[in-house]
All heavy atoms as atom14 arrays in JSON, in Angstrom:
{
  "sequence": "AQRTFPFYTDMADAKAILESIARSFGYRYGKYRQVRVNTVSQSPTPT",
  "atom14_mask": [
    [1, 1, 1, 1, 1, 0, 0, 0, 0, 0, 0, 0, 0, 0],
    [1, 1, 1, 1, 1, 1, 1, 1, 1, 0, 0, 0, 0, 0],
    [1, 1, 1, 1, 1, 1, 1, 1, 1, 1, 1, 0, 0, 0],
    [1, 1, 1, 1, 1, 1, 1, 0, 0, 0, 0, 0, 0, 0],
    [1, 1, 1, 1, 1, 1, 1, 1, 1, 1, 1, 0, 0, 0],
    [1, 1, 1, 1, 1, 1, 1, 0, 0, 0, 0, 0, 0, 0],
    [1, 1, 1, 1, 1, 1, 1, 1, 1, 1, 1, 0, 0, 0],
    [1, 1, 1, 1, 1, 1, 1, 1, 1, 1, 1, 1, 0, 0],
    [1, 1, 1, 1, 1, 1, 1, 0, 0, 0, 0, 0, 0, 0],
    [1, 1, 1, 1, 1, 1, 1, 1, 0, 0, 0, 0, 0, 0],
    [1, 1, 1, 1, 1, 1, 1, 1, 0, 0, 0, 0, 0, 0],
    [1, 1, 1, 1, 1, 0, 0, 0, 0, 0, 0, 0, 0, 0],
    [1, 1, 1, 1, 1, 1, 1, 1, 0, 0, 0, 0, 0, 0],
    [1, 1, 1, 1, 1, 0, 0, 0, 0, 0, 0, 0, 0, 0],
    [1, 1, 1, 1, 1, 1, 1, 1, 1, 0, 0, 0, 0, 0],
    [1, 1, 1, 1, 1, 0, 0, 0, 0, 0, 0, 0, 0, 0],
    [1, 1, 1, 1, 1, 1, 1, 1, 0, 0, 0, 0, 0, 0],
    [1, 1, 1, 1, 1, 1, 1, 1, 0, 0, 0, 0, 0, 0],
    [1, 1, 1, 1, 1, 1, 1, 1, 1, 0, 0, 0, 0, 0],
    [1, 1, 1, 1, 1, 1, 0, 0, 0, 0, 0, 0, 0, 0],
    [1, 1, 1, 1, 1, 1, 1, 1, 0, 0, 0, 0, 0, 0],
    [1, 1, 1, 1, 1, 0, 0, 0, 0, 0, 0, 0, 0, 0],
    [1, 1, 1, 1, 1, 1, 1, 1, 1, 1, 1, 0, 0, 0],
    [1, 1, 1, 1, 1, 1, 0, 0, 0, 0, 0, 0, 0, 0],
    [1, 1, 1, 1, 1, 1, 1, 1, 1, 1, 1, 0, 0, 0],
    [1, 1, 1, 1, 0, 0, 0, 0, 0, 0, 0, 0, 0, 0],
    [1, 1, 1, 1, 1, 1, 1, 1, 1, 1, 1, 1, 0, 0],
    [1, 1, 1, 1, 1, 1, 1, 1, 1, 1, 1, 0, 0, 0],
    [1, 1, 1, 1, 1, 1, 1, 1, 1, 1, 1, 1, 0, 0],
    [1, 1, 1, 1, 0, 0, 0, 0, 0, 0, 0, 0, 0, 0],
    [1, 1, 1, 1, 1, 1, 1, 1, 1, 0, 0, 0, 0, 0],
    [1, 1, 1, 1, 1, 1, 1, 1, 1, 1, 1, 1, 0, 0],
    [1, 1, 1, 1, 1, 1, 1, 1, 1, 1, 1, 0, 0, 0],
    [1, 1, 1, 1, 1, 1, 1, 1, 1, 0, 0, 0, 0, 0],
    [1, 1, 1, 1, 1, 1, 1, 0, 0, 0, 0, 0, 0, 0],
    [1, 1, 1, 1, 1, 1, 1, 1, 1, 1, 1, 0, 0, 0],
    [1, 1, 1, 1, 1, 1, 1, 0, 0, 0, 0, 0, 0, 0],
    [1, 1, 1, 1, 1, 1, 1, 1, 0, 0, 0, 0, 0, 0],
    [1, 1, 1, 1, 1, 1, 1, 0, 0, 0, 0, 0, 0, 0],
    [1, 1, 1, 1, 1, 1, 1, 0, 0, 0, 0, 0, 0, 0],
    [1, 1, 1, 1, 1, 1, 0, 0, 0, 0, 0, 0, 0, 0],
    [1, 1, 1, 1, 1, 1, 1, 1, 1, 0, 0, 0, 0, 0],
    [1, 1, 1, 1, 1, 1, 0, 0, 0, 0, 0, 0, 0, 0],
    [1, 1, 1, 1, 1, 1, 1, 0, 0, 0, 0, 0, 0, 0],
    [1, 1, 1, 1, 1, 1, 1, 0, 0, 0, 0, 0, 0, 0],
    [1, 1, 1, 1, 1, 1, 1, 0, 0, 0, 0, 0, 0, 0],
    [1, 1, 1, 1, 1, 1, 1, 0, 0, 0, 0, 0, 0, 0]
  ],
  "atom14_positions": [
    [[-3.27, 20.15, -16.45], [-2.02, 20.09, -17.17], [-2.22, 20.19, -18.68], [-1.33, 20.6, -19.4], [-1.27, 18.83, -16.82], [0.0, 0.0, 0.0], [0.0, 0.0, 0.0], [0.0, 0.0, 0.0], [0.0, 0.0, 0.0], [0.0, 0.0, 0.0], [0.0, 0.0, 0.0], [0.0, 0.0, 0.0], [0.0, 0.0, 0.0], [0.0, 0.0, 0.0]],
    [[-3.4, 19.79, -19.13], [-3.72, 19.81, -20.57], [-4.75, 20.87, -20.93], [-4.73, 21.44, -22.03], [-4.31, 18.5, -21.05], [-3.28, 17.35, -21.15], [-3.02, 16.7, -19.81], [-3.96, 16.62, -18.98], [-1.83, 16.26, -19.54], [0.0, 0.0, 0.0], [0.0, 0.0, 0.0], [0.0, 0.0, 0.0], [0.0, 0.0, 0.0], [0.0, 0.0, 0.0]],
    [[-5.69, 21.17, -20.07], [-6.75, 22.1, -20.34], [-6.84, 23.13, -19.23], [-6.59, 22.84, -18.08], [-8.08, 21.31, -20.46], [-8.17, 20.45, -21.64], [-9.28, 19.41, -21.6], [-10.61, 20.07, -21.52], [-11.74, 19.39, -21.35], [-11.74, 18.08, -21.26], [-12.88, 20.05, -21.25], [0.0, 0.0, 0.0], [0.0, 0.0, 0.0], [0.0, 0.0, 0.0]],
    [[-7.19, 24.32, -19.59], [-7.17, 25.44, -18.64], [-8.35, 25.44, -17.7], [-9.5, 25.45, -18.13], [-7.08, 26.79, -19.37], [-5.91, 26.81, -20.17], [-7.03, 27.97, -18.41], [0.0, 0.0, 0.0], [0.0, 0.0, 0.0], [0.0, 0.0, 0.0], [0.0, 0.0, 0.0], [0.0, 0.0, 0.0], [0.0, 0.0, 0.0], [0.0, 0.0, 0.0]],
    [[-8.04, 25.48, -16.43], [-9.04, 25.62, -15.34], [-8.53, 26.8, -14.52], [-7.58, 26.71, -13.78], [-9.12, 24.37, -14.53], [-9.68, 23.17, -15.28], [-8.81, 22.28, -15.87], [-11.01, 22.96, -15.38], [-9.27, 21.23, -16.63], [-11.53, 21.9, -16.08], [-10.67, 20.99, -16.71], [0.0, 0.0, 0.0], [0.0, 0.0, 0.0], [0.0, 0.0, 0.0]],
    [[-9.18, 28.0, -14.64], [-8.65, 29.2, -14.02], [-8.3, 29.1, -12.55], [-7.3, 29.68, -12.13], [-9.79, 30.22, -14.27], [-10.47, 29.71, -15.48], [-10.47, 28.23, -15.42], [0.0, 0.0, 0.0], [0.0, 0.0, 0.0], [0.0, 0.0, 0.0], [0.0, 0.0, 0.0], [0.0, 0.0, 0.0], [0.0, 0.0, 0.0], [0.0, 0.0, 0.0]],
    [[-9.05, 28.32, -11.8], [-8.82, 28.26, -10.36], [-7.56, 27.53, -9.99], [-7.1, 27.56, -8.84], [-10.04, 27.6, -9.62], [-10.38, 26.22, -10.13], [-9.7, 25.15, -9.59], [-11.35, 26.03, -11.07], [-10.02, 23.87, -10.11], [-11.67, 24.78, -11.53], [-10.98, 23.68, -11.04], [0.0, 0.0, 0.0], [0.0, 0.0, 0.0], [0.0, 0.0, 0.0]],
    [[-6.98, 26.78, -10.92], [-5.85, 25.9, -10.63], [-4.53, 26.62, -10.74], [-3.52, 26.07, -10.4], [-5.87, 24.65, -11.54], [-5.4, 23.41, -10.87], [-6.04, 22.85, -9.77], [-4.29, 22.69, -11.37], [-5.64, 21.68, -9.15], [-3.88, 21.51, -10.79], [-4.53, 21.04, -9.67], [-4.11, 19.87, -9.08], [0.0, 0.0, 0.0], [0.0, 0.0, 0.0]],
    [[-4.5, 27.78, -11.31], [-3.36, 28.7, -11.45], [-2.02, 27.98, -11.65], [-1.88, 27.21, -12.58], [-3.34, 29.72, -10.29], [-2.98, 29.08, -9.08], [-4.66, 30.39, -10.06], [0.0, 0.0, 0.0], [0.0, 0.0, 0.0], [0.0, 0.0, 0.0], [0.0, 0.0, 0.0], [0.0, 0.0, 0.0], [0.0, 0.0, 0.0], [0.0, 0.0, 0.0]],
    [[-1.06, 28.27, -10.81], [0.33, 27.78, -11.1], [0.45, 26.25, -10.88], [1.41, 25.62, -11.32], [1.37, 28.52, -10.34], [1.27, 28.41, -8.77], [0.15, 28.06, -8.33], [2.26, 28.68, -8.13], [0.0, 0.0, 0.0], [0.0, 0.0, 0.0], [0.0, 0.0, 0.0], [0.0, 0.0, 0.0], [0.0, 0.0, 0.0], [0.0, 0.0, 0.0]],
    [[-0.52, 25.63, -10.18], [-0.46, 24.21, -10.04], [-0.64, 23.48, -11.37], [-0.15, 22.38, -11.57], [-1.52, 23.74, -9.04], [-1.12, 23.78, -7.58], [0.33, 22.73, -7.16], [-0.44, 21.1, -7.4], [0.0, 0.0, 0.0], [0.0, 0.0, 0.0], [0.0, 0.0, 0.0], [0.0, 0.0, 0.0], [0.0, 0.0, 0.0], [0.0, 0.0, 0.0]],
    [[-1.35, 24.12, -12.33], [-1.48, 23.56, -13.65], [-0.15, 23.42, -14.34], [0.18, 22.38, -14.96], [-2.41, 24.43, -14.49], [0.0, 0.0, 0.0], [0.0, 0.0, 0.0], [0.0, 0.0, 0.0], [0.0, 0.0, 0.0], [0.0, 0.0, 0.0], [0.0, 0.0, 0.0], [0.0, 0.0, 0.0], [0.0, 0.0, 0.0], [0.0, 0.0, 0.0]],
    [[0.71, 24.44, -14.16], [2.06, 24.39, -14.76], [2.92, 23.28, -14.08], [3.68, 22.57, -14.7], [2.71, 25.75, -14.61], [1.94, 26.84, -15.31], [1.46, 26.63, -16.39], [1.83, 27.93, -14.69], [0.0, 0.0, 0.0], [0.0, 0.0, 0.0], [0.0, 0.0, 0.0], [0.0, 0.0, 0.0], [0.0, 0.0, 0.0], [0.0, 0.0, 0.0]],
    [[2.76, 23.19, -12.79], [3.5, 22.18, -11.99], [3.12, 20.77, -12.48], [3.97, 19.9, -12.62], [3.28, 22.34, -10.53], [0.0, 0.0, 0.0], [0.0, 0.0, 0.0], [0.0, 0.0, 0.0], [0.0, 0.0, 0.0], [0.0, 0.0, 0.0], [0.0, 0.0, 0.0], [0.0, 0.0, 0.0], [0.0, 0.0, 0.0], [0.0, 0.0, 0.0]],
    [[1.79, 20.56, -12.66], [1.34, 19.25, -13.09], [1.8, 18.93, -14.53], [2.1, 17.74, -14.85], [-0.19, 19.15, -13.02], [-0.74, 19.16, -11.57], [-0.26, 17.99, -10.76], [-0.96, 17.88, -9.43], [-0.41, 16.83, -8.54], [0.0, 0.0, 0.0], [0.0, 0.0, 0.0], [0.0, 0.0, 0.0], [0.0, 0.0, 0.0], [0.0, 0.0, 0.0]],
    [[1.89, 19.95, -15.37], [2.38, 19.69, -16.71], [3.85, 19.23, -16.68], [4.25, 18.31, -17.43], [2.24, 20.98, -17.55], [0.0, 0.0, 0.0], [0.0, 0.0, 0.0], [0.0, 0.0, 0.0], [0.0, 0.0, 0.0], [0.0, 0.0, 0.0], [0.0, 0.0, 0.0], [0.0, 0.0, 0.0], [0.0, 0.0, 0.0], [0.0, 0.0, 0.0]],
    [[4.61, 19.84, -15.81], [6.03, 19.43, -15.63], [6.08, 18.02, -15.05], [6.91, 17.16, -15.5], [6.82, 20.44, -14.73], [6.9, 21.76, -15.45], [8.21, 19.91, -14.41], [7.44, 22.89, -14.55], [0.0, 0.0, 0.0], [0.0, 0.0, 0.0], [0.0, 0.0, 0.0], [0.0, 0.0, 0.0], [0.0, 0.0, 0.0], [0.0, 0.0, 0.0]],
    [[5.24, 17.72, -14.07], [5.2, 16.39, -13.48], [4.98, 15.32, -14.54], [5.66, 14.31, -14.57], [4.08, 16.33, -12.41], [3.79, 15.01, -11.77], [4.63, 14.84, -10.51], [2.34, 14.87, -11.37], [0.0, 0.0, 0.0], [0.0, 0.0, 0.0], [0.0, 0.0, 0.0], [0.0, 0.0, 0.0], [0.0, 0.0, 0.0], [0.0, 0.0, 0.0]],
    [[3.97, 15.56, -15.43], [3.66, 14.58, -16.43], [4.8, 14.41, -17.4], [5.05, 13.29, -17.93], [2.35, 14.95, -17.09], [1.15, 14.82, -16.18], [-0.14, 15.3, -16.79], [-0.21, 15.44, -18.04], [-1.09, 15.56, -16.04], [0.0, 0.0, 0.0], [0.0, 0.0, 0.0], [0.0, 0.0, 0.0], [0.0, 0.0, 0.0], [0.0, 0.0, 0.0]],
    [[5.49, 15.5, -17.78], [6.61, 15.43, -18.66], [7.74, 14.59, -18.03], [8.4, 13.81, -18.7], [7.1, 16.82, -19.02], [8.19, 16.77, -19.9], [0.0, 0.0, 0.0], [0.0, 0.0, 0.0], [0.0, 0.0, 0.0], [0.0, 0.0, 0.0], [0.0, 0.0, 0.0], [0.0, 0.0, 0.0], [0.0, 0.0, 0.0], [0.0, 0.0, 0.0]],
    [[7.96, 14.83, -16.74], [9.01, 14.08, -16.02], [8.67, 12.59, -16.05], [9.59, 11.73, -16.22], [9.14, 14.58, -14.57], [9.8, 15.96, -14.56], [9.92, 13.61, -13.72], [9.76, 16.65, -13.22], [0.0, 0.0, 0.0], [0.0, 0.0, 0.0], [0.0, 0.0, 0.0], [0.0, 0.0, 0.0], [0.0, 0.0, 0.0], [0.0, 0.0, 0.0]],
    [[7.4, 12.24, -15.9], [6.99, 10.8, -15.92], [7.36, 10.2, -17.25], [7.84, 9.04, -17.29], [5.49, 10.67, -15.68], [0.0, 0.0, 0.0], [0.0, 0.0, 0.0], [0.0, 0.0, 0.0], [0.0, 0.0, 0.0], [0.0, 0.0, 0.0], [0.0, 0.0, 0.0], [0.0, 0.0, 0.0], [0.0, 0.0, 0.0], [0.0, 0.0, 0.0]],
    [[7.16, 10.88, -18.37], [7.52, 10.38, -19.65], [9.05, 10.26, -19.83], [9.57, 9.2, -20.28], [6.92, 11.22, -20.76], [5.4, 11.17, -20.85], [4.88, 11.99, -22.04], [5.12, 13.38, -21.95], [4.26, 14.24, -21.36], [3.13, 13.79, -20.85], [4.54, 15.54, -21.31], [0.0, 0.0, 0.0], [0.0, 0.0, 0.0], [0.0, 0.0, 0.0]],
    [[9.74, 11.31, -19.48], [11.18, 11.34, -19.66], [11.86, 10.31, -18.81], [12.79, 9.6, -19.27], [11.72, 12.76, -19.37], [11.18, 13.68, -20.28], [0.0, 0.0, 0.0], [0.0, 0.0, 0.0], [0.0, 0.0, 0.0], [0.0, 0.0, 0.0], [0.0, 0.0, 0.0], [0.0, 0.0, 0.0], [0.0, 0.0, 0.0], [0.0, 0.0, 0.0]],
    [[11.52, 10.25, -17.49], [12.17, 9.32, -16.61], [11.68, 7.91, -16.87], [12.31, 6.91, -16.7], [11.98, 9.67, -15.17], [13.23, 9.51, -14.35], [13.81, 10.6, -13.68], [13.85, 8.27, -14.2], [14.98, 10.45, -12.95], [15.03, 8.09, -13.43], [15.59, 9.22, -12.83], [0.0, 0.0, 0.0], [0.0, 0.0, 0.0], [0.0, 0.0, 0.0]],
    [[10.37, 7.83, -17.27], [9.79, 6.51, -17.54], [10.55, 5.75, -18.66], [10.74, 4.58, -18.57], [0.0, 0.0, 0.0], [0.0, 0.0, 0.0], [0.0, 0.0, 0.0], [0.0, 0.0, 0.0], [0.0, 0.0, 0.0], [0.0, 0.0, 0.0], [0.0, 0.0, 0.0], [0.0, 0.0, 0.0], [0.0, 0.0, 0.0], [0.0, 0.0, 0.0]],
    [[11.02, 6.49, -19.69], [11.78, 5.85, -20.75], [13.09, 5.3, -20.15], [13.46, 4.17, -20.39], [12.08, 6.9, -21.84], [13.05, 6.31, -22.89], [12.56, 5.49, -23.91], [14.42, 6.54, -22.82], [13.43, 4.96, -24.83], [15.3, 6.03, -23.72], [14.81, 5.24, -24.73], [15.7, 4.69, -25.64], [0.0, 0.0, 0.0], [0.0, 0.0, 0.0]],
    [[13.75, 6.12, -19.38], [15.07, 5.68, -18.89], [14.96, 4.59, -17.84], [15.73, 3.67, -17.86], [15.76, 6.94, -18.31], [16.16, 7.93, -19.4], [16.44, 9.3, -18.86], [16.96, 10.22, -19.89], [16.24, 10.88, -20.74], [14.91, 10.73, -20.69], [16.8, 11.65, -21.65], [0.0, 0.0, 0.0], [0.0, 0.0, 0.0], [0.0, 0.0, 0.0]],
    [[13.93, 4.65, -16.96], [13.8, 3.65, -15.96], [13.32, 2.35, -16.57], [13.67, 1.25, -16.09], [12.78, 4.07, -14.88], [13.32, 3.93, -13.47], [13.0, 4.86, -12.46], [14.11, 2.83, -13.09], [13.45, 4.67, -11.16], [14.56, 2.67, -11.81], [14.23, 3.63, -10.82], [14.69, 3.44, -9.54], [0.0, 0.0, 0.0], [0.0, 0.0, 0.0]],
    [[12.56, 2.44, -17.64], [12.1, 1.24, -18.31], [13.3, 0.46, -18.96], [13.39, -0.7, -18.88], [0.0, 0.0, 0.0], [0.0, 0.0, 0.0], [0.0, 0.0, 0.0], [0.0, 0.0, 0.0], [0.0, 0.0, 0.0], [0.0, 0.0, 0.0], [0.0, 0.0, 0.0], [0.0, 0.0, 0.0], [0.0, 0.0, 0.0], [0.0, 0.0, 0.0]],
    [[14.22, 1.26, -19.61], [15.36, 0.63, -20.18], [16.27, 0.07, -19.14], [16.93, -0.95, -19.37], [16.1, 1.7, -21.03], [15.34, 2.26, -22.17], [15.19, 1.29, -23.32], [16.43, 1.07, -24.11], [16.24, 0.23, -25.3], [0.0, 0.0, 0.0], [0.0, 0.0, 0.0], [0.0, 0.0, 0.0], [0.0, 0.0, 0.0], [0.0, 0.0, 0.0]],
    [[16.38, 0.73, -17.99], [17.35, 0.36, -16.99], [16.87, -0.84, -16.16], [17.67, -1.77, -15.93], [17.52, 1.56, -16.02], [18.36, 1.35, -14.82], [19.7, 0.93, -14.91], [17.85, 1.6, -13.52], [20.49, 0.73, -13.79], [18.64, 1.41, -12.41], [19.93, 1.02, -12.55], [20.74, 0.8, -11.4], [0.0, 0.0, 0.0], [0.0, 0.0, 0.0]],
    [[15.61, -0.86, -15.73], [15.12, -1.92, -14.84], [13.71, -2.35, -15.14], [13.09, -3.0, -14.31], [15.19, -1.48, -13.37], [16.57, -1.53, -12.75], [17.02, -3.01, -12.47], [18.27, -2.98, -11.73], [19.48, -2.99, -12.25], [19.58, -3.02, -13.56], [20.58, -3.06, -11.52], [0.0, 0.0, 0.0], [0.0, 0.0, 0.0], [0.0, 0.0, 0.0]],
    [[13.2, -2.04, -16.32], [11.77, -2.36, -16.63], [10.8, -1.79, -15.59], [9.76, -2.33, -15.36], [11.57, -3.9, -16.74], [12.36, -4.55, -17.86], [13.79, -4.83, -17.45], [14.05, -5.41, -16.41], [14.74, -4.41, -18.29], [0.0, 0.0, 0.0], [0.0, 0.0, 0.0], [0.0, 0.0, 0.0], [0.0, 0.0, 0.0], [0.0, 0.0, 0.0]],
    [[11.23, -0.68, -14.96], [10.35, -0.01, -14.03], [9.37, 0.85, -14.78], [9.76, 1.63, -15.64], [11.18, 0.81, -13.02], [10.24, 1.68, -12.13], [12.03, -0.09, -12.1], [0.0, 0.0, 0.0], [0.0, 0.0, 0.0], [0.0, 0.0, 0.0], [0.0, 0.0, 0.0], [0.0, 0.0, 0.0], [0.0, 0.0, 0.0], [0.0, 0.0, 0.0]],
    [[8.07, 0.76, -14.42], [7.05, 1.53, -15.07], [6.83, 2.88, -14.31], [6.85, 2.9, -13.06], [5.72, 0.75, -15.07], [5.75, -0.54, -15.8], [4.64, -1.49, -15.36], [5.04, -2.18, -14.16], [4.13, -2.66, -13.27], [2.86, -2.45, -13.44], [4.56, -3.32, -12.17], [0.0, 0.0, 0.0], [0.0, 0.0, 0.0], [0.0, 0.0, 0.0]],
    [[6.56, 3.89, -15.09], [6.28, 5.22, -14.49], [5.05, 5.79, -15.17], [5.02, 5.99, -16.39], [7.43, 6.19, -14.7], [7.12, 7.53, -14.03], [8.75, 5.64, -14.14], [0.0, 0.0, 0.0], [0.0, 0.0, 0.0], [0.0, 0.0, 0.0], [0.0, 0.0, 0.0], [0.0, 0.0, 0.0], [0.0, 0.0, 0.0], [0.0, 0.0, 0.0]],
    [[4.01, 6.01, -14.39], [2.73, 6.52, -14.92], [2.15, 7.6, -14.03], [2.51, 7.66, -12.83], [1.7, 5.38, -15.02], [2.11, 4.38, -16.06], [2.13, 4.59, -17.26], [2.48, 3.18, -15.59], [0.0, 0.0, 0.0], [0.0, 0.0, 0.0], [0.0, 0.0, 0.0], [0.0, 0.0, 0.0], [0.0, 0.0, 0.0], [0.0, 0.0, 0.0]],
    [[1.28, 8.46, -14.61], [0.55, 9.38, -13.77], [-0.93, 9.09, -13.9], [-1.39, 8.67, -14.96], [0.85, 10.85, -14.23], [0.55, 10.98, -15.65], [2.25, 11.27, -13.96], [0.0, 0.0, 0.0], [0.0, 0.0, 0.0], [0.0, 0.0, 0.0], [0.0, 0.0, 0.0], [0.0, 0.0, 0.0], [0.0, 0.0, 0.0], [0.0, 0.0, 0.0]],
    [[-1.68, 9.33, -12.83], [-3.13, 9.13, -12.85], [-3.78, 10.48, -12.68], [-3.57, 11.2, -11.72], [-3.53, 8.19, -11.72], [-5.06, 8.14, -11.63], [-3.06, 6.79, -12.02], [0.0, 0.0, 0.0], [0.0, 0.0, 0.0], [0.0, 0.0, 0.0], [0.0, 0.0, 0.0], [0.0, 0.0, 0.0], [0.0, 0.0, 0.0], [0.0, 0.0, 0.0]],
    [[-4.59, 10.88, -13.68], [-5.28, 12.12, -13.67], [-6.72, 11.9, -13.12], [-7.56, 11.36, -13.8], [-5.36, 12.72, -15.09], [-5.89, 13.98, -15.13], [0.0, 0.0, 0.0], [0.0, 0.0, 0.0], [0.0, 0.0, 0.0], [0.0, 0.0, 0.0], [0.0, 0.0, 0.0], [0.0, 0.0, 0.0], [0.0, 0.0, 0.0], [0.0, 0.0, 0.0]],
    [[-6.89, 12.22, -11.84], [-8.08, 11.91, -11.13], [-9.17, 12.97, -11.22], [-8.88, 14.16, -11.48], [-7.69, 11.69, -9.68], [-8.76, 11.66, -8.63], [-9.68, 10.46, -8.75], [-9.51, 9.59, -9.56], [-10.63, 10.37, -7.8], [0.0, 0.0, 0.0], [0.0, 0.0, 0.0], [0.0, 0.0, 0.0], [0.0, 0.0, 0.0], [0.0, 0.0, 0.0]],
    [[-10.38, 12.56, -11.09], [-11.5, 13.53, -10.99], [-11.3, 14.49, -9.85], [-10.48, 14.21, -8.94], [-12.82, 12.75, -10.63], [-13.2, 11.9, -11.65], [0.0, 0.0, 0.0], [0.0, 0.0, 0.0], [0.0, 0.0, 0.0], [0.0, 0.0, 0.0], [0.0, 0.0, 0.0], [0.0, 0.0, 0.0], [0.0, 0.0, 0.0], [0.0, 0.0, 0.0]],
    [[-11.86, 15.66, -9.9], [-11.83, 16.55, -8.7], [-12.32, 15.78, -7.51], [-13.4, 15.14, -7.57], [-12.74, 17.7, -9.06], [-13.58, 17.23, -10.23], [-12.77, 16.24, -10.96], [0.0, 0.0, 0.0], [0.0, 0.0, 0.0], [0.0, 0.0, 0.0], [0.0, 0.0, 0.0], [0.0, 0.0, 0.0], [0.0, 0.0, 0.0], [0.0, 0.0, 0.0]],
    [[-11.53, 15.76, -6.48], [-11.83, 14.88, -5.29], [-11.8, 15.8, -4.05], [-10.83, 16.55, -3.82], [-10.78, 13.81, -5.18], [-10.68, 13.14, -6.47], [-11.11, 12.77, -4.12], [0.0, 0.0, 0.0], [0.0, 0.0, 0.0], [0.0, 0.0, 0.0], [0.0, 0.0, 0.0], [0.0, 0.0, 0.0], [0.0, 0.0, 0.0], [0.0, 0.0, 0.0]],
    [[-12.79, 15.7, -3.22], [-12.87, 16.57, -2.03], [-11.88, 16.11, -0.93], [-12.25, 15.57, 0.12], [-14.33, 16.4, -1.53], [-14.77, 15.08, -2.08], [-14.01, 14.86, -3.36], [0.0, 0.0, 0.0], [0.0, 0.0, 0.0], [0.0, 0.0, 0.0], [0.0, 0.0, 0.0], [0.0, 0.0, 0.0], [0.0, 0.0, 0.0], [0.0, 0.0, 0.0]],
    [[-10.61, 16.39, -1.17], [-9.56, 16.13, -0.15], [-9.32, 17.43, 0.62], [-9.82, 18.5, 0.26], [-8.29, 15.69, -0.83], [-7.83, 16.78, -1.68], [-8.47, 14.4, -1.67], [0.0, 0.0, 0.0], [0.0, 0.0, 0.0], [0.0, 0.0, 0.0], [0.0, 0.0, 0.0], [0.0, 0.0, 0.0], [0.0, 0.0, 0.0], [0.0, 0.0, 0.0]]
  ]
}
């Protein structure tokens, strides 16, 4: 979502949107119910 990895193609764009949503909704959910919203950027994992 932050740095280019050619093999990740359009999923990189999707993850960038995901992280933006976390920030935007995190602000609103925090004000509403003190609910925390975070994303975890994990190492490449053999799933």
